[in-house]
Amino acid sequence: MAGPRPVVLSGPSGAGKSTLLKKLLKEFDGVFGFSVSHTTRNPRPGEENGRDYHYVTREVMQTSIDNGEFIENAVFSGNMYGTSKAAVQHVQAKNLICVLDIDMQGVKNIKRTDLNPIYISIQPPSMQELEKRLKDRKTESDESLKKRLQAASVDMELSKEPGLFDVVILNNDLDEAYGKLKEALLEEIKIVKNTTKA
């Protein structure tokens, strides 16, 4: 795929990926593009179709997956999620660094493609802190919270696998974590800025 190298951002729900991403997009306006994933789950309050997710039916999503239109897909809490090739190409075509917010299952799927992204894992300081963050959101049922914490435990363990990620960032302090994230992406940011000027 032509264009800047994409970035795969992974880590458990509540690790702070969205917060770090918002800071990055704000500071480097016109450098990053967000790949909009597909999902079969219903929109949450404030979410918009085409901006937060492409909300589709299971039938539509399954057909697209069967046709090889997805880079990765996964099922979580009974809902399907996935990233289409078109969503990534759409961002790269604008000379933007495509950001992919993807779970561990997705990371392993992408390793089998020719995407060649920078793999970054954002991890919480501890399970206790993660549980607190998820409870503070007040969006999770007890059942959903339990599932997210189980998934997080697996995610935290797998992120230690040698060679899986280029960078693992422990999000204990937001500013410090953001500094490390920026540092990991500096080379690609420079390339995009220089190309844009040219």
C-alpha atoms as a PDB file:
ATOM      1  CA  MET A   1       0.000   0.000   0.000  1.00  0.00           C
ATOM      2  CA  ALA A   2       1.351   3.413  -0.972  1.00  0.00           C
ATOM      3  CA  GLY A   3       1.629   6.276   1.504  1.00  0.00           C
ATOM      4  CA  PRO A   4       3.090   6.747   4.995  1.00  0.00           C
ATOM      5  CA  ARG A   5       3.607   3.753   7.277  1.00  0.00           C
ATOM      6  CA  PRO A   6       0.493   3.078   9.349  1.00  0.00           C
ATOM      7  CA  VAL A   7       0.533   2.810  13.136  1.00  0.00           C
ATOM      8  CA  VAL A   8      -1.083  -0.044  15.027  1.00  0.00           C
ATOM      9  CA  LEU A   9      -2.105   1.061  18.499  1.00  0.00           C
ATOM     10  CA  SER A  10      -3.097  -1.799  20.757  1.00  0.00           C
ATOM     11  CA  GLY A  11      -3.817  -2.348  24.418  1.00  0.00           C
ATOM     12  CA  PRO A  12      -6.696  -3.186  26.724  1.00  0.00           C
ATOM     13  CA  SER A  13      -9.839  -1.111  27.001  1.00  0.00           C
ATOM     14  CA  GLY A  14      -9.151   1.589  29.606  1.00  0.00           C
ATOM     15  CA  ALA A  15      -5.371   1.688  29.051  1.00  0.00           C
ATOM     16  CA  GLY A  16      -5.711   5.232  27.666  1.00  0.00           C
ATOM     17  CA  LYS A  17      -5.394   4.672  23.905  1.00  0.00           C
ATOM     18  CA  SER A  18      -8.229   7.077  22.994  1.00  0.00           C
ATOM     19  CA  THR A  19      -6.920   9.829  25.290  1.00  0.00           C
ATOM     20  CA  LEU A  20      -3.388   9.544  23.890  1.00  0.00           C
ATOM     21  CA  LEU A  21      -4.725   9.461  20.355  1.00  0.00           C
ATOM     22  CA  LYS A  22      -6.776  12.612  20.869  1.00  0.00           C
ATOM     23  CA  LYS A  23      -3.646  14.443  22.107  1.00  0.00           C
ATOM     24  CA  LEU A  24      -1.677  13.222  19.085  1.00  0.00           C
ATOM     25  CA  LEU A  25      -4.359  14.277  16.591  1.00  0.00           C
ATOM     26  CA  LYS A  26      -4.675  17.673  18.248  1.00  0.00           C
ATOM     27  CA  GLU A  27      -0.921  18.412  18.283  1.00  0.00           C
ATOM     28  CA  PHE A  28      -0.253  17.022  14.819  1.00  0.00           C
ATOM     29  CA  ASP A  29      -3.294  18.187  12.947  1.00  0.00           C
ATOM     30  CA  GLY A  30      -3.044  17.160   9.296  1.00  0.00           C
ATOM     31  CA  VAL A  31      -0.486  14.392   9.926  1.00  0.00           C
ATOM     32  CA  PHE A  32      -2.591  11.492  11.222  1.00  0.00           C
ATOM     33  CA  GLY A  33      -5.741   9.947   9.903  1.00  0.00           C
ATOM     34  CA  PHE A  34      -7.969   7.589  11.791  1.00  0.00           C
ATOM     35  CA  SER A  35      -8.980   4.410  10.091  1.00  0.00           C
ATOM     36  CA  VAL A  36     -12.689   3.998  10.790  1.00  0.00           C
ATOM     37  CA  SER A  37     -13.447   0.413  11.775  1.00  0.00           C
ATOM     38  CA  HIS A  38     -16.582  -1.546  11.009  1.00  0.00           C
ATOM     39  CA  THR A  39     -18.722  -3.016  13.783  1.00  0.00           C
ATOM     40  CA  THR A  40     -22.027  -4.805  14.208  1.00  0.00           C
ATOM     41  CA  ARG A  41     -22.644  -3.294  17.665  1.00  0.00           C
ATOM     42  CA  ASN A  42     -25.095  -0.457  18.221  1.00  0.00           C
ATOM     43  CA  PRO A  43     -23.755   3.109  18.471  1.00  0.00           C
ATOM     44  CA  ARG A  44     -23.136   4.452  21.984  1.00  0.00           C
ATOM     45  CA  PRO A  45     -24.507   7.903  22.883  1.00  0.00           C
ATOM     46  CA  GLY A  46     -22.596  10.607  20.991  1.00  0.00           C
ATOM     47  CA  GLU A  47     -21.108   8.202  18.450  1.00  0.00           C
ATOM     48  CA  GLU A  48     -21.602   8.894  14.764  1.00  0.00           C
ATOM     49  CA  ASN A  49     -21.744   6.517  11.812  1.00  0.00           C
ATOM     50  CA  GLY A  50     -18.741   7.035   9.524  1.00  0.00           C
ATOM     51  CA  ARG A  51     -16.840   9.007  12.169  1.00  0.00           C
ATOM     52  CA  ASP A  52     -16.532   6.622  15.132  1.00  0.00           C
ATOM     53  CA  TYR A  53     -17.393   3.392  13.317  1.00  0.00           C
ATOM     54  CA  HIS A  54     -19.100   2.134  10.188  1.00  0.00           C
ATOM     55  CA  TYR A  55     -22.125   0.450  11.786  1.00  0.00           C
ATOM     56  CA  VAL A  56     -23.194  -2.519   9.661  1.00  0.00           C
ATOM     57  CA  THR A  57     -25.261  -5.688   9.920  1.00  0.00           C
ATOM     58  CA  ARG A  58     -23.641  -9.070  10.545  1.00  0.00           C
ATOM     59  CA  GLU A  59     -24.601 -10.183   7.018  1.00  0.00           C
ATOM     60  CA  VAL A  60     -22.897  -7.198   5.350  1.00  0.00           C
ATOM     61  CA  MET A  61     -19.788  -7.578   7.487  1.00  0.00           C
ATOM     62  CA  GLN A  62     -19.503 -11.341   6.966  1.00  0.00           C
ATOM     63  CA  THR A  63     -19.846 -10.963   3.191  1.00  0.00           C
ATOM     64  CA  SER A  64     -17.057  -8.338   3.141  1.00  0.00           C
ATOM     65  CA  ILE A  65     -14.797 -10.570   5.260  1.00  0.00           C
ATOM     66  CA  ASP A  66     -15.493 -13.555   2.981  1.00  0.00           C
ATOM     67  CA  ASN A  67     -14.578 -11.373  -0.006  1.00  0.00           C
ATOM     68  CA  GLY A  68     -11.175 -10.603   1.556  1.00  0.00           C
ATOM     69  CA  GLU A  69     -11.934  -6.898   2.048  1.00  0.00           C
ATOM     70  CA  PHE A  70     -10.698  -6.826   5.662  1.00  0.00           C
ATOM     71  CA  ILE A  71      -7.152  -6.581   7.041  1.00  0.00           C
ATOM     72  CA  GLU A  72      -8.323  -7.910  10.381  1.00  0.00           C
ATOM     73  CA  ASN A  73     -11.520  -8.745  12.209  1.00  0.00           C
ATOM     74  CA  ALA A  74     -12.468 -10.049  15.616  1.00  0.00           C
ATOM     75  CA  VAL A  75     -15.498 -10.827  17.745  1.00  0.00           C
ATOM     76  CA  PHE A  76     -15.830  -9.209  21.153  1.00  0.00           C
ATOM     77  CA  SER A  77     -18.831  -9.516  23.496  1.00  0.00           C
ATOM     78  CA  GLY A  78     -20.840 -11.015  20.652  1.00  0.00           C
ATOM     79  CA  ASN A  79     -20.173  -8.107  18.273  1.00  0.00           C
ATOM     80  CA  MET A  80     -17.964  -8.173  15.181  1.00  0.00           C
ATOM     81  CA  TYR A  81     -15.246  -5.558  14.676  1.00  0.00           C
ATOM     82  CA  GLY A  82     -12.861  -5.133  11.764  1.00  0.00           C
ATOM     83  CA  THR A  83     -10.650  -2.904   9.630  1.00  0.00           C
ATOM     84  CA  SER A  84     -11.203  -2.819   5.893  1.00  0.00           C
ATOM     85  CA  LYS A  85      -8.369  -2.406   3.397  1.00  0.00           C
ATOM     86  CA  ALA A  86     -10.315   0.499   1.881  1.00  0.00           C
ATOM     87  CA  ALA A  87     -10.395   2.345   5.239  1.00  0.00           C
ATOM     88  CA  VAL A  88      -6.574   2.240   5.475  1.00  0.00           C
ATOM     89  CA  GLN A  89      -6.013   3.118   1.807  1.00  0.00           C
ATOM     90  CA  HIS A  90      -8.409   6.052   2.158  1.00  0.00           C
ATOM     91  CA  VAL A  91      -6.161   7.557   4.868  1.00  0.00           C
ATOM     92  CA  GLN A  92      -2.849   6.751   3.129  1.00  0.00           C
ATOM     93  CA  ALA A  93      -4.079   8.312  -0.125  1.00  0.00           C
ATOM     94  CA  LYS A  94      -4.276  11.653   1.719  1.00  0.00           C
ATOM     95  CA  ASN A  95      -0.567  11.311   2.729  1.00  0.00           C
ATOM     96  CA  LEU A  96      -1.581  10.755   6.346  1.00  0.00           C
ATOM     97  CA  ILE A  97      -0.263   8.269   8.900  1.00  0.00           C
ATOM     98  CA  CYS A  98      -3.136   5.842   9.327  1.00  0.00           C
ATOM     99  CA  VAL A  99      -3.847   5.016  12.971  1.00  0.00           C
ATOM    100  CA  LEU A 100      -5.307   1.580  13.660  1.00  0.00           C
ATOM    101  CA  ASP A 101      -6.745   0.972  17.125  1.00  0.00           C
ATOM    102  CA  ILE A 102      -6.732  -2.813  17.233  1.00  0.00           C
ATOM    103  CA  ASP A 103      -6.922  -5.648  19.756  1.00  0.00           C
ATOM    104  CA  MET A 104      -4.344  -8.387  20.180  1.00  0.00           C
ATOM    105  CA  GLN A 105      -6.183 -10.794  17.870  1.00  0.00           C
ATOM    106  CA  GLY A 106      -6.099  -8.096  15.184  1.00  0.00           C
ATOM    107  CA  VAL A 107      -2.382  -7.414  15.721  1.00  0.00           C
ATOM    108  CA  LYS A 108      -1.597 -11.069  15.023  1.00  0.00           C
ATOM    109  CA  ASN A 109      -3.783 -10.967  11.883  1.00  0.00           C
ATOM    110  CA  ILE A 110      -2.017  -7.845  10.585  1.00  0.00           C
ATOM    111  CA  LYS A 111       1.378  -9.520  11.115  1.00  0.00           C
ATOM    112  CA  ARG A 112       0.314 -11.857   8.311  1.00  0.00           C
ATOM    113  CA  THR A 113      -0.376  -9.008   5.838  1.00  0.00           C
ATOM    114  CA  ASP A 114       1.936  -6.717   3.830  1.00  0.00           C
ATOM    115  CA  LEU A 115       0.853  -3.617   5.775  1.00  0.00           C
ATOM    116  CA  ASN A 116       4.221  -3.143   7.579  1.00  0.00           C
ATOM    117  CA  PRO A 117       2.987  -0.786  10.321  1.00  0.00           C
ATOM    118  CA  ILE A 118       4.703   0.463  13.486  1.00  0.00           C
ATOM    119  CA  TYR A 119       3.313  -1.697  16.304  1.00  0.00           C
ATOM    120  CA  ILE A 120       2.729   0.146  19.602  1.00  0.00           C
ATOM    121  CA  SER A 121       1.174  -1.322  22.729  1.00  0.00           C
ATOM    122  CA  ILE A 122      -0.348   0.944  25.399  1.00  0.00           C
ATOM    123  CA  GLN A 123      -0.581  -0.829  28.745  1.00  0.00           C
ATOM    124  CA  PRO A 124      -2.133   0.186  32.086  1.00  0.00           C
ATOM    125  CA  PRO A 125       0.129   0.320  35.169  1.00  0.00           C
ATOM    126  CA  SER A 126      -1.849  -2.494  36.851  1.00  0.00           C
ATOM    127  CA  MET A 127      -5.087  -4.500  36.750  1.00  0.00           C
ATOM    128  CA  GLN A 128      -6.332  -2.561  39.792  1.00  0.00           C
ATOM    129  CA  GLU A 129      -5.859   0.780  38.030  1.00  0.00           C
ATOM    130  CA  LEU A 130      -7.487  -0.573  34.877  1.00  0.00           C
ATOM    131  CA  GLU A 131     -10.534  -1.792  36.816  1.00  0.00           C
ATOM    132  CA  LYS A 132     -10.842   1.629  38.461  1.00  0.00           C
ATOM    133  CA  ARG A 133     -10.663   3.421  35.078  1.00  0.00           C
ATOM    134  CA  LEU A 134     -13.295   1.144  33.537  1.00  0.00           C
ATOM    135  CA  LYS A 135     -15.629   1.541  36.538  1.00  0.00           C
ATOM    136  CA  ASP A 136     -15.210   5.339  36.395  1.00  0.00           C
ATOM    137  CA  ARG A 137     -16.497   5.311  32.814  1.00  0.00           C
ATOM    138  CA  LYS A 138     -19.866   4.062  34.091  1.00  0.00           C
ATOM    139  CA  THR A 139     -20.587   2.540  30.663  1.00  0.00           C
ATOM    140  CA  GLU A 140     -19.893  -1.085  31.536  1.00  0.00           C
ATOM    141  CA  SER A 141     -22.314  -3.627  32.985  1.00  0.00           C
ATOM    142  CA  ASP A 142     -20.825  -6.046  35.542  1.00  0.00           C
ATOM    143  CA  GLU A 143     -20.753  -8.748  32.865  1.00  0.00           C
ATOM    144  CA  SER A 144     -19.074  -6.460  30.322  1.00  0.00           C
ATOM    145  CA  LEU A 145     -16.564  -5.244  32.930  1.00  0.00           C
ATOM    146  CA  LYS A 146     -15.656  -8.822  33.787  1.00  0.00           C
ATOM    147  CA  LYS A 147     -15.122  -9.667  30.087  1.00  0.00           C
ATOM    148  CA  ARG A 148     -12.999  -6.563  29.514  1.00  0.00           C
ATOM    149  CA  LEU A 149     -10.809  -7.316  32.534  1.00  0.00           C
ATOM    150  CA  GLN A 150     -10.318 -10.936  31.428  1.00  0.00           C
ATOM    151  CA  ALA A 151      -9.356  -9.746  27.934  1.00  0.00           C
ATOM    152  CA  ALA A 152      -7.031  -7.136  29.472  1.00  0.00           C
ATOM    153  CA  SER A 153      -5.242  -9.743  31.550  1.00  0.00           C
ATOM    154  CA  VAL A 154      -4.517 -11.805  28.398  1.00  0.00           C
ATOM    155  CA  ASP A 155      -3.549  -8.646  26.490  1.00  0.00           C
ATOM    156  CA  MET A 156      -1.093  -7.515  29.184  1.00  0.00           C
ATOM    157  CA  GLU A 157       0.552 -10.933  29.182  1.00  0.00           C
ATOM    158  CA  LEU A 158       0.771 -11.197  25.377  1.00  0.00           C
ATOM    159  CA  SER A 159       2.216  -7.687  25.005  1.00  0.00           C
ATOM    160  CA  LYS A 160       5.384  -9.030  26.656  1.00  0.00           C
ATOM    161  CA  GLU A 161       5.934 -11.458  23.759  1.00  0.00           C
ATOM    162  CA  PRO A 162       9.318 -10.562  22.184  1.00  0.00           C
ATOM    163  CA  GLY A 163       9.089  -8.998  18.750  1.00  0.00           C
ATOM    164  CA  LEU A 164       5.314  -8.547  18.754  1.00  0.00           C
ATOM    165  CA  PHE A 165       5.475  -4.785  19.357  1.00  0.00           C
ATOM    166  CA  ASP A 166       8.063  -2.215  18.337  1.00  0.00           C
ATOM    167  CA  VAL A 167       7.268  -0.185  21.466  1.00  0.00           C
ATOM    168  CA  VAL A 168       5.379  -0.991  24.689  1.00  0.00           C
ATOM    169  CA  ILE A 169       4.280   2.103  26.648  1.00  0.00           C
ATOM    170  CA  LEU A 170       3.167   1.843  30.273  1.00  0.00           C
ATOM    171  CA  ASN A 171       0.510   4.522  30.756  1.00  0.00           C
ATOM    172  CA  ASN A 172       1.096   5.430  34.380  1.00  0.00           C
ATOM    173  CA  ASP A 173       1.490   9.146  33.744  1.00  0.00           C
ATOM    174  CA  LEU A 174      -0.345  10.585  30.728  1.00  0.00           C
ATOM    175  CA  ASP A 175       2.273  13.203  29.782  1.00  0.00           C
ATOM    176  CA  GLU A 176       5.116  10.728  30.077  1.00  0.00           C
ATOM    177  CA  ALA A 177       3.244   8.112  28.025  1.00  0.00           C
ATOM    178  CA  TYR A 178       2.419  10.746  25.413  1.00  0.00           C
ATOM    179  CA  GLY A 179       6.077  11.760  25.180  1.00  0.00           C
ATOM    180  CA  LYS A 180       7.076   8.155  24.492  1.00  0.00           C
ATOM    181  CA  LEU A 181       4.336   7.746  21.899  1.00  0.00           C
ATOM    182  CA  LYS A 182       5.459  10.900  20.101  1.00  0.00           C
ATOM    183  CA  GLU A 183       9.084   9.779  20.153  1.00  0.00           C
ATOM    184  CA  ALA A 184       8.147   6.425  18.584  1.00  0.00           C
ATOM    185  CA  LEU A 185       6.381   8.208  15.710  1.00  0.00           C
ATOM    186  CA  LEU A 186       8.725  11.138  15.146  1.00  0.00           C
ATOM    187  CA  GLU A 187      10.406   9.721  12.033  1.00  0.00           C
ATOM    188  CA  GLU A 188       7.103   9.088  10.242  1.00  0.00           C
ATOM    189  CA  ILE A 189       5.760  12.500  11.335  1.00  0.00           C
ATOM    190  CA  LYS A 190       8.834  14.186   9.772  1.00  0.00           C
ATOM    191  CA  ILE A 191       8.343  12.277   6.507  1.00  0.00           C
ATOM    192  CA  VAL A 192       4.702  13.359   6.245  1.00  0.00           C
ATOM    193  CA  LYS A 193       5.500  16.986   7.091  1.00  0.00           C
ATOM    194  CA  ASN A 194       8.322  17.116   4.517  1.00  0.00           C
ATOM    195  CA  THR A 195       6.155  15.525   1.830  1.00  0.00           C
ATOM    196  CA  THR A 196       3.334  17.958   2.579  1.00  0.00           C
ATOM    197  CA  LYS A 197       5.707  20.935   2.208  1.00  0.00           C
ATOM    198  CA  ALA A 198       7.156  19.662  -1.074  1.00  0.00           C
END
